[in-house]
Amino acid sequence: MRTLFLSLLLSMPAQAWSAELAAKLDWSKRVELSPLVSGVVKAVNVEPGQHVDQGALLLQFDDRLFKARNAEAEAALEHARLLFQEAEREQQRADELYDRTVLSNHEYEQSKVNFAAASLAMRSAELRLVETTLDLERSAISAPFDAWVVERLVEPGASIVSELQTAPLLVVTYAGRMRAVTKIESSLARKIEIGSSATVVVGKQRYRARVASIGAVEGGHQLDVAFSHSNDHLYLGQKAKIILP
């Protein structure tokens, strides 16, 4: 009889549960944009709360020095190429003369050294041009993705030293993505799986969502539910509801 009771108990479906939780909206992810070069900020083209498309120019340094260094590197590379081409021709002549036993071993070895030095100088000039081109590109900060500007932390005229600048210049967040955040008890947290389905309700609009994280906080756990949207009127701190599962 006891065995039959246990079999019936184990065969019964697990009790279904659901929860409807008051929450607030938060940004999906905050991405800090920090300088990779040093210089003077020439222009900041955005304000907090502004929507920007991927690739939009957000901030620009005074780029005159970067352009000058880049032009100098281009000229240096052209000069190095001319010297390499001349050293290459000299090496070809040295090969011919050495094969005809007209050139001494010392002169032949010196020709090879000169050719190797010209080759290394050209390679060094190529790398210098890559470096200055990157610095020129980095003298402007563009939106890495479709985004909302969360914070603007610098103004035109500011002098930035990238080696010492640890704070970001701008903070952005993904457009079309948000989180609903709430605090829950530990007993409920144990029932929820990361990645499981959920629904976020804002006003009369419902959004399909997924559980992004559950983190321990004082007095319980914080539940983060991520969702995508096409509604530009959603904002930080807006009231919402999370429906589980």
Protein backbone atom coordinates (compact mmCIF):
# COMPACT_ATOMS: atom_id res chain seq x y z
CA MET A 1 0.00 0.00 0.00
CA ARG A 2 2.81 2.36 0.92
CA THR A 3 4.60 1.58 -2.34
CA LEU A 4 1.43 2.34 -4.30
CA PHE A 5 1.03 5.68 -2.49
CA LEU A 6 4.63 6.69 -3.25
CA SER A 7 4.21 5.74 -6.91
CA LEU A 8 1.08 7.87 -7.19
CA LEU A 9 2.79 10.76 -5.43
CA LEU A 10 5.80 10.67 -7.75
CA SER A 11 3.63 10.43 -10.84
CA MET A 12 1.67 13.57 -9.95
CA PRO A 13 2.73 16.69 -11.97
CA ALA A 14 4.68 19.35 -10.12
CA GLN A 15 2.50 22.10 -8.78
CA ALA A 16 2.37 24.97 -11.25
CA TRP A 17 3.34 28.40 -10.00
CA SER A 18 3.18 31.92 -11.34
CA ALA A 19 4.08 35.36 -10.11
CA GLU A 20 3.27 38.95 -11.04
CA LEU A 21 5.88 41.38 -9.76
CA ALA A 22 6.05 45.16 -9.68
CA ALA A 23 9.25 46.34 -11.37
CA LYS A 24 11.02 49.34 -12.88
CA LEU A 25 12.74 49.69 -16.23
CA ASP A 26 16.49 50.00 -16.46
CA TRP A 27 18.94 50.25 -19.35
CA SER A 28 20.02 46.95 -20.89
CA LYS A 29 23.75 47.67 -20.67
CA ARG A 30 25.76 50.82 -20.08
CA VAL A 31 28.77 51.09 -22.38
CA GLU A 32 31.46 53.59 -21.41
CA LEU A 33 33.30 55.30 -24.27
CA SER A 34 36.79 56.33 -23.20
CA PRO A 35 39.54 58.07 -25.18
CA LEU A 36 42.27 56.06 -26.89
CA VAL A 37 44.33 59.13 -27.80
CA SER A 38 45.35 62.34 -26.05
CA GLY A 39 44.27 65.74 -27.26
CA VAL A 40 41.85 68.64 -26.96
CA VAL A 41 38.14 67.98 -27.38
CA LYS A 42 36.91 69.99 -30.37
CA ALA A 43 33.21 69.08 -30.40
CA VAL A 44 30.66 66.98 -28.54
CA ASN A 45 27.70 66.37 -30.83
CA VAL A 46 25.22 64.68 -28.50
CA GLU A 47 23.19 65.30 -25.37
CA PRO A 48 21.88 62.83 -22.74
CA GLY A 49 18.63 61.23 -23.87
CA GLN A 50 19.49 61.57 -27.57
CA HIS A 51 19.07 58.61 -29.92
CA VAL A 52 21.98 57.95 -32.29
CA ASP A 53 22.47 55.50 -35.14
CA GLN A 54 25.46 53.19 -35.35
CA GLY A 55 28.44 55.07 -36.77
CA ALA A 56 27.14 58.54 -35.85
CA LEU A 57 29.91 60.96 -34.85
CA LEU A 58 29.57 61.58 -31.11
CA LEU A 59 32.78 63.38 -30.16
CA GLN A 60 35.76 64.79 -32.02
CA PHE A 61 39.22 65.86 -30.94
CA ASP A 62 41.17 68.63 -32.63
CA ASP A 63 42.66 66.46 -35.39
CA ARG A 64 45.21 68.84 -36.92
CA LEU A 65 48.19 67.23 -35.17
CA PHE A 66 46.92 63.72 -35.99
CA LYS A 67 46.59 64.66 -39.68
CA ALA A 68 50.10 66.17 -39.71
CA ARG A 69 51.62 63.05 -38.16
CA ASN A 70 49.76 60.86 -40.62
CA ALA A 71 50.99 62.91 -43.60
CA GLU A 72 54.54 62.77 -42.23
CA ALA A 73 54.28 58.97 -41.92
CA GLU A 74 53.02 58.68 -45.50
CA ALA A 75 56.00 60.72 -46.75
CA ALA A 76 58.44 58.68 -44.67
CA LEU A 77 57.03 55.46 -46.10
CA GLU A 78 57.39 56.74 -49.67
CA HIS A 79 61.01 57.67 -48.97
CA ALA A 80 61.67 54.25 -47.41
CA ARG A 81 60.19 52.53 -50.46
CA LEU A 82 62.49 54.45 -52.80
CA LEU A 83 65.53 53.47 -50.72
CA PHE A 84 64.36 49.86 -50.65
CA GLN A 85 63.92 49.77 -54.41
CA GLU A 86 67.44 51.15 -54.87
CA ALA A 87 68.86 48.62 -52.38
CA GLU A 88 67.02 45.85 -54.20
CA ARG A 89 68.59 46.86 -57.52
CA GLU A 90 72.02 47.04 -55.89
CA GLN A 91 71.52 43.56 -54.42
CA GLN A 92 70.61 42.17 -57.83
CA ARG A 93 73.77 43.67 -59.32
CA ALA A 94 75.80 42.30 -56.43
CA ASP A 95 74.37 38.82 -57.01
CA GLU A 96 75.41 38.96 -60.67
CA LEU A 97 78.91 40.24 -59.90
CA TYR A 98 79.42 37.72 -57.14
CA ASP A 99 78.37 34.87 -59.45
CA ARG A 100 81.01 36.10 -61.89
CA THR A 101 83.58 36.21 -59.02
CA VAL A 102 84.06 39.95 -59.64
CA LEU A 103 82.81 40.96 -56.19
CA SER A 104 84.67 40.10 -52.98
CA ASN A 105 83.01 38.24 -50.12
CA HIS A 106 83.15 41.32 -47.91
CA GLU A 107 81.52 43.55 -50.53
CA TYR A 108 78.84 40.95 -51.16
CA GLU A 109 78.03 40.59 -47.46
CA GLN A 110 77.89 44.38 -47.12
CA SER A 111 75.40 44.52 -50.01
CA LYS A 112 73.17 41.98 -48.24
CA VAL A 113 73.33 44.00 -45.02
CA ASN A 114 72.34 47.17 -46.85
CA PHE A 115 69.41 45.40 -48.50
CA ALA A 116 68.21 43.96 -45.17
CA ALA A 117 68.49 47.38 -43.50
CA ALA A 118 66.42 48.99 -46.29
CA SER A 119 63.81 46.26 -45.99
CA LEU A 120 63.55 46.74 -42.22
CA ALA A 121 63.35 50.52 -42.60
CA MET A 122 60.47 50.16 -45.07
CA ARG A 123 58.64 47.77 -42.72
CA SER A 124 59.13 50.18 -39.83
CA ALA A 125 57.71 53.03 -41.94
CA GLU A 126 54.69 50.88 -42.86
CA LEU A 127 53.99 50.18 -39.19
CA ARG A 128 54.37 53.86 -38.31
CA LEU A 129 51.79 54.75 -40.94
CA VAL A 130 49.39 52.17 -39.50
CA GLU A 131 49.89 53.71 -36.05
CA THR A 132 49.25 57.28 -37.16
CA THR A 133 46.24 56.23 -39.25
CA LEU A 134 44.72 54.53 -36.21
CA ASP A 135 45.39 57.60 -34.07
CA LEU A 136 43.67 59.77 -36.67
CA GLU A 137 40.65 57.45 -36.68
CA ARG A 138 40.60 57.42 -32.88
CA SER A 139 40.54 61.20 -32.73
CA ALA A 140 36.78 60.83 -33.21
CA ILE A 141 34.39 58.66 -31.20
CA SER A 142 31.46 57.17 -33.10
CA ALA A 143 28.45 55.22 -31.88
CA PRO A 144 29.39 51.52 -31.76
CA PHE A 145 25.73 50.53 -32.26
CA ASP A 146 22.26 52.08 -32.38
CA ALA A 147 22.15 53.70 -28.97
CA TRP A 148 20.72 56.14 -26.48
CA VAL A 149 23.15 58.60 -24.91
CA VAL A 150 22.99 58.16 -21.14
CA GLU A 151 25.70 60.56 -19.94
CA ARG A 152 27.86 63.31 -21.41
CA LEU A 153 30.91 63.78 -19.19
CA VAL A 154 33.10 66.18 -21.15
CA GLU A 155 32.81 69.56 -22.88
CA PRO A 156 34.63 71.15 -25.84
CA GLY A 157 38.01 72.58 -24.91
CA ALA A 158 38.84 69.89 -22.37
CA SER A 159 42.41 68.54 -22.54
CA ILE A 160 42.48 64.76 -22.37
CA VAL A 161 45.54 62.65 -21.55
CA SER A 162 44.55 59.10 -22.43
CA GLU A 163 47.25 57.54 -20.25
CA LEU A 164 45.76 59.28 -17.21
CA GLN A 165 42.09 59.48 -18.20
CA THR A 166 40.28 56.60 -16.51
CA ALA A 167 36.79 58.09 -16.54
CA PRO A 168 34.67 57.76 -19.73
CA LEU A 169 33.80 60.74 -21.88
CA LEU A 170 30.38 59.40 -22.88
CA VAL A 171 28.10 56.62 -21.69
CA VAL A 172 25.62 54.97 -24.07
CA THR A 173 23.18 52.08 -23.94
CA TYR A 174 21.68 49.80 -26.57
CA ALA A 175 18.63 51.21 -28.32
CA GLY A 176 15.71 48.81 -28.47
CA ARG A 177 16.82 46.82 -25.42
CA MET A 178 15.85 47.28 -21.78
CA ARG A 179 15.56 45.39 -18.51
CA ALA A 180 12.79 45.16 -15.96
CA VAL A 181 14.28 44.98 -12.48
CA THR A 182 12.72 44.01 -9.16
CA LYS A 183 13.61 42.59 -5.77
CA ILE A 184 12.33 39.11 -4.89
CA GLU A 185 12.49 36.77 -1.93
CA SER A 186 14.95 33.90 -1.87
CA SER A 187 12.12 31.32 -1.93
CA LEU A 188 10.96 32.66 -5.31
CA ALA A 189 14.50 33.03 -6.64
CA ARG A 190 15.03 29.28 -6.20
CA LYS A 191 12.15 28.57 -8.59
CA ILE A 192 13.42 30.75 -11.44
CA GLU A 193 15.94 29.60 -14.04
CA ILE A 194 18.31 31.92 -15.90
CA GLY A 195 17.19 32.17 -19.52
CA SER A 196 13.61 31.13 -18.80
CA SER A 197 10.71 32.94 -20.47
CA ALA A 198 8.88 35.86 -18.91
CA THR A 199 6.60 38.71 -19.89
CA VAL A 200 7.14 42.40 -19.21
CA VAL A 201 4.09 44.66 -19.14
CA VAL A 202 4.47 48.44 -19.49
CA GLY A 203 1.15 50.25 -19.56
CA LYS A 204 -0.98 48.29 -22.00
CA GLN A 205 1.97 46.90 -23.94
CA ARG A 206 3.31 43.38 -23.34
CA TYR A 207 6.84 42.30 -24.29
CA ARG A 208 8.30 38.83 -24.56
CA ALA A 209 11.29 38.61 -22.25
CA ARG A 210 13.80 36.27 -20.68
CA VAL A 211 15.38 36.07 -17.25
CA ALA A 212 18.84 37.64 -17.62
CA SER A 213 20.19 37.36 -14.07
CA ILE A 214 19.34 36.76 -10.43
CA GLY A 215 21.77 38.34 -8.01
CA ALA A 216 21.93 38.31 -4.25
CA VAL A 217 21.21 41.66 -2.58
CA GLU A 218 20.51 42.67 0.98
CA GLY A 219 17.28 41.05 2.12
CA GLY A 220 16.75 38.87 -0.95
CA HIS A 221 17.63 38.76 -4.63
CA GLN A 222 17.47 41.13 -7.60
CA LEU A 223 15.70 39.77 -10.66
CA ASP A 224 16.67 41.21 -14.06
CA VAL A 225 14.47 40.41 -17.05
CA ALA A 226 15.70 41.50 -20.49
CA PHE A 227 13.52 42.33 -23.46
CA SER A 228 13.63 44.04 -26.86
CA HIS A 229 11.27 46.76 -27.99
CA SER A 230 10.62 49.30 -30.73
CA ASN A 231 8.98 51.85 -28.46
CA ASP A 232 11.05 55.03 -28.13
CA HIS A 233 8.83 56.24 -25.28
CA LEU A 234 10.12 53.74 -22.72
CA TYR A 235 12.40 55.41 -20.19
CA LEU A 236 14.61 54.72 -17.19
CA GLY A 237 12.67 54.16 -13.98
CA GLN A 238 9.32 53.64 -15.70
CA LYS A 239 6.91 51.37 -13.82
CA ALA A 240 6.42 47.88 -15.21
CA LYS A 241 5.27 44.41 -14.28
CA ILE A 242 7.08 41.09 -14.63
CA ILE A 243 4.94 38.03 -15.17
CA LEU A 244 6.49 34.64 -14.49
CA PRO A 245 6.86 32.10 -15.89
